[in-house]
N, C-alpha and C. Protein backbone atom coordinates (compact mmCIF):
# COMPACT_ATOMS: atom_id res chain seq x y z
N MET A 1 121.69 117.96 83.20
CA MET A 1 121.58 117.01 84.03
C MET A 1 121.57 115.55 83.86
N THR A 2 122.66 114.50 84.44
CA THR A 2 122.35 113.30 84.06
C THR A 2 121.31 112.46 84.82
N LYS A 3 121.12 111.27 84.79
CA LYS A 3 120.39 110.66 85.44
C LYS A 3 120.80 110.27 86.85
N LEU A 4 122.15 110.30 86.96
CA LEU A 4 122.28 109.91 88.17
C LEU A 4 122.45 111.03 88.94
N GLN A 5 122.66 112.14 88.53
CA GLN A 5 122.47 113.72 88.94
C GLN A 5 121.43 113.77 89.70
N LEU A 6 120.63 113.56 88.79
CA LEU A 6 119.12 113.66 89.20
C LEU A 6 118.84 112.69 90.25
N ARG A 7 119.00 111.65 90.17
CA ARG A 7 118.61 110.46 91.44
C ARG A 7 119.09 111.11 92.43
N ALA A 8 120.88 111.67 92.44
CA ALA A 8 121.34 112.10 93.94
C ALA A 8 120.70 113.29 94.38
N PHE A 9 120.29 114.36 93.69
CA PHE A 9 119.36 115.41 93.69
C PHE A 9 118.40 114.75 94.24
N LEU A 10 117.37 113.74 94.12
CA LEU A 10 116.20 113.74 94.54
C LEU A 10 116.44 112.91 95.82
N TYR A 11 117.29 111.80 96.10
CA TYR A 11 117.93 110.91 96.96
C TYR A 11 117.95 112.25 98.35
N GLN A 12 118.54 113.35 97.92
CA GLN A 12 118.94 114.51 98.97
C GLN A 12 118.23 115.37 99.65
N LEU A 13 117.16 115.46 98.13
CA LEU A 13 115.67 116.33 98.77
C LEU A 13 114.66 115.57 99.60
N GLY A 14 114.82 114.11 99.13
CA GLY A 14 113.94 113.27 100.16
C GLY A 14 114.58 112.80 101.34
N SER A 15 115.69 112.85 101.53
CA SER A 15 116.30 112.49 102.69
C SER A 15 116.15 113.67 103.80
N PHE A 16 116.47 115.14 103.04
CA PHE A 16 116.06 116.23 104.03
C PHE A 16 114.93 116.49 104.31
N ALA A 17 114.05 116.40 103.35
CA ALA A 17 112.30 116.61 103.59
C ALA A 17 112.24 115.95 104.90
N ILE A 18 112.44 114.42 104.81
CA ILE A 18 111.89 113.52 106.01
C ILE A 18 112.40 114.04 107.26
N LEU A 19 113.99 114.34 107.24
CA LEU A 19 114.47 114.77 108.60
C LEU A 19 113.82 116.24 108.82
N PHE A 20 113.58 117.08 107.85
CA PHE A 20 112.94 118.58 108.37
C PHE A 20 111.56 118.51 109.07
N ILE A 21 110.85 117.61 108.38
CA ILE A 21 109.41 117.33 108.86
C ILE A 21 109.20 116.57 110.38
N SER A 22 110.38 116.05 110.37
CA SER A 22 110.28 115.12 111.70
C SER A 22 110.68 115.90 113.03
N PHE A 23 111.44 116.69 112.60
CA PHE A 23 112.59 117.50 113.37
C PHE A 23 111.15 118.64 113.50
N ARG A 24 111.05 119.30 112.85
CA ARG A 24 109.63 120.21 113.15
C ARG A 24 108.82 119.73 113.84
N PHE A 25 108.18 118.81 113.54
CA PHE A 25 107.17 118.04 114.63
C PHE A 25 107.69 117.71 116.08
N LEU A 26 109.10 117.29 115.96
CA LEU A 26 109.39 117.20 117.37
C LEU A 26 109.94 118.79 118.20
N ILE A 27 110.53 119.61 117.21
CA ILE A 27 110.42 120.43 118.32
C ILE A 27 109.54 121.14 118.59
N PHE A 28 108.53 121.20 117.63
CA PHE A 28 106.87 121.84 117.89
C PHE A 28 106.48 121.31 119.28
N LYS A 29 106.61 119.48 118.97
CA LYS A 29 105.83 119.23 120.44
C LYS A 29 106.65 119.41 121.70
N TYR A 30 107.96 119.17 121.77
CA TYR A 30 108.74 118.58 123.01
C TYR A 30 109.63 120.07 123.32
N THR A 31 109.43 121.35 122.70
CA THR A 31 110.24 122.57 123.26
C THR A 31 109.11 123.69 123.37
N ASP A 32 109.65 124.79 123.85
CA ASP A 32 108.70 125.93 123.97
C ASP A 32 109.32 127.13 122.99
N LEU A 33 109.93 126.61 122.07
CA LEU A 33 110.17 127.65 120.68
C LEU A 33 108.85 127.82 119.99
N THR A 34 108.47 129.30 119.63
CA THR A 34 107.13 129.18 118.83
C THR A 34 107.74 130.35 117.56
N GLY A 35 106.98 130.40 116.80
CA GLY A 35 106.93 131.25 115.63
C GLY A 35 108.09 130.76 114.62
N LEU A 36 109.20 131.53 114.16
CA LEU A 36 109.85 131.27 113.15
C LEU A 36 111.26 130.20 113.87
N PHE A 37 111.36 130.30 114.77
CA PHE A 37 112.06 129.45 115.36
C PHE A 37 112.16 128.24 115.53
N VAL A 38 111.05 127.44 115.04
CA VAL A 38 110.68 125.74 115.14
C VAL A 38 111.12 125.76 113.72
N PRO A 39 110.85 126.02 112.35
CA PRO A 39 111.06 126.01 111.36
C PRO A 39 112.80 125.92 110.89
N PHE A 40 113.10 126.99 111.41
CA PHE A 40 114.43 127.29 111.45
C PHE A 40 115.19 126.48 112.07
N THR A 41 115.15 126.14 113.44
CA THR A 41 115.87 125.18 114.11
C THR A 41 115.57 123.98 113.14
N ALA A 42 114.61 123.30 112.66
CA ALA A 42 114.56 122.44 112.09
C ALA A 42 115.27 122.31 110.70
N PHE A 43 115.42 123.32 110.18
CA PHE A 43 116.16 123.17 109.02
C PHE A 43 117.66 122.92 109.32
N VAL A 44 118.10 123.85 110.05
CA VAL A 44 119.63 123.78 110.73
C VAL A 44 119.70 122.26 111.06
N VAL A 45 119.13 121.93 111.79
CA VAL A 45 119.25 120.59 112.21
C VAL A 45 119.06 119.21 110.75
N GLY A 46 118.29 119.60 110.30
CA GLY A 46 117.70 118.63 108.99
C GLY A 46 119.29 118.68 108.03
N THR A 47 119.83 119.93 108.21
CA THR A 47 120.60 120.53 107.22
C THR A 47 122.15 119.34 107.64
N ILE A 48 122.46 119.58 108.86
CA ILE A 48 123.50 118.78 109.36
C ILE A 48 123.54 117.39 109.43
N LEU A 49 122.17 117.11 109.77
CA LEU A 49 122.28 115.47 109.86
C LEU A 49 121.80 114.56 108.47
N SER A 50 121.20 115.38 107.55
CA SER A 50 120.92 114.68 106.25
C SER A 50 122.23 114.19 105.45
N PRO A 51 121.87 112.98 105.04
CA PRO A 51 123.18 112.67 103.89
C PRO A 51 123.47 113.26 102.77
N LYS A 52 124.55 113.25 102.31
CA LYS A 52 124.96 114.17 101.24
C LYS A 52 124.94 113.05 100.04
N PHE A 53 124.65 113.47 98.98
CA PHE A 53 124.44 112.35 97.72
C PHE A 53 125.28 113.13 96.88
N GLN A 54 126.28 112.33 95.91
CA GLN A 54 126.74 113.33 94.61
C GLN A 54 126.93 112.24 93.72
N ALA A 55 126.77 112.53 92.63
CA ALA A 55 127.12 111.59 91.14
C ALA A 55 128.68 112.09 90.44
N VAL A 56 129.60 111.29 90.49
CA VAL A 56 131.03 111.56 90.12
C VAL A 56 130.82 110.31 89.02
N LYS A 57 131.72 111.29 87.78
CA LYS A 57 132.54 110.62 86.73
C LYS A 57 133.73 109.96 87.22
N THR A 58 133.91 108.73 87.01
CA THR A 58 135.04 108.07 87.20
C THR A 58 135.56 107.45 85.94
N ARG A 59 136.71 106.61 86.07
CA ARG A 59 137.47 105.69 85.24
C ARG A 59 136.26 104.72 84.44
N ASP A 60 135.57 103.86 85.68
CA ASP A 60 134.37 103.00 85.39
C ASP A 60 133.33 103.50 84.69
N GLY A 61 133.07 104.60 84.60
CA GLY A 61 131.64 105.37 84.47
C GLY A 61 131.30 106.28 85.66
N GLU A 62 130.21 106.84 85.52
CA GLU A 62 129.51 107.58 86.51
C GLU A 62 129.05 106.84 87.83
N LYS A 63 129.02 107.17 88.83
CA LYS A 63 128.80 106.27 89.89
C LYS A 63 128.38 107.17 91.17
N LEU A 64 127.18 106.69 91.88
CA LEU A 64 126.39 107.78 93.10
C LEU A 64 127.21 107.30 93.92
N PHE A 65 127.78 108.49 94.78
CA PHE A 65 128.24 108.35 96.40
C PHE A 65 127.46 109.02 97.09
N MET A 66 127.41 108.40 98.59
CA MET A 66 127.04 109.15 99.55
C MET A 66 128.11 109.28 100.87
N SER A 67 127.83 110.64 101.48
CA SER A 67 128.23 110.74 102.83
C SER A 67 127.32 111.09 104.01
N TRP A 68 127.83 110.86 104.91
CA TRP A 68 126.74 111.07 106.06
C TRP A 68 127.74 111.14 107.21
N LEU A 69 127.36 112.19 108.36
CA LEU A 69 127.85 112.43 109.14
C LEU A 69 128.04 110.92 110.27
N PHE A 70 127.21 110.01 110.49
CA PHE A 70 127.22 108.82 111.00
C PHE A 70 127.88 107.64 110.54
N VAL A 71 128.46 107.70 109.20
CA VAL A 71 129.33 106.90 108.66
C VAL A 71 130.50 107.25 108.12
N LYS A 72 131.46 106.36 108.68
CA LYS A 72 132.71 106.81 108.52
C LYS A 72 133.42 106.63 107.01
N GLY A 73 133.71 107.70 106.10
CA GLY A 73 134.44 107.66 104.94
C GLY A 73 133.24 107.95 103.52
N ILE A 74 133.32 107.48 102.72
CA ILE A 74 132.15 107.94 101.39
C ILE A 74 131.84 106.54 100.92
N LYS A 75 130.27 106.09 100.90
CA LYS A 75 130.29 105.01 100.39
C LYS A 75 129.70 105.03 99.12
N GLU A 76 129.87 103.92 98.04
CA GLU A 76 129.33 103.87 97.08
C GLU A 76 127.88 103.32 96.88
N LEU A 77 127.02 103.98 96.27
CA LEU A 77 125.51 103.21 96.15
C LEU A 77 125.79 102.48 95.02
């Protein structure tokens, strides 16, 4: 695993964790869901809304790219 691949993994894990914890709190506080439905719903919402990071080898070397639901296209970081 290269340095950029590790960075992409950590960015993706961090962004998912932030969204998962936030949505778990919001779902627990503002809905009537109980039990396993709260973390499962937060997992699904966090998975859909979290940005996707990927390290790609190009002619210019390895680069880090991000794709997100709210951003049109793929952005280079």
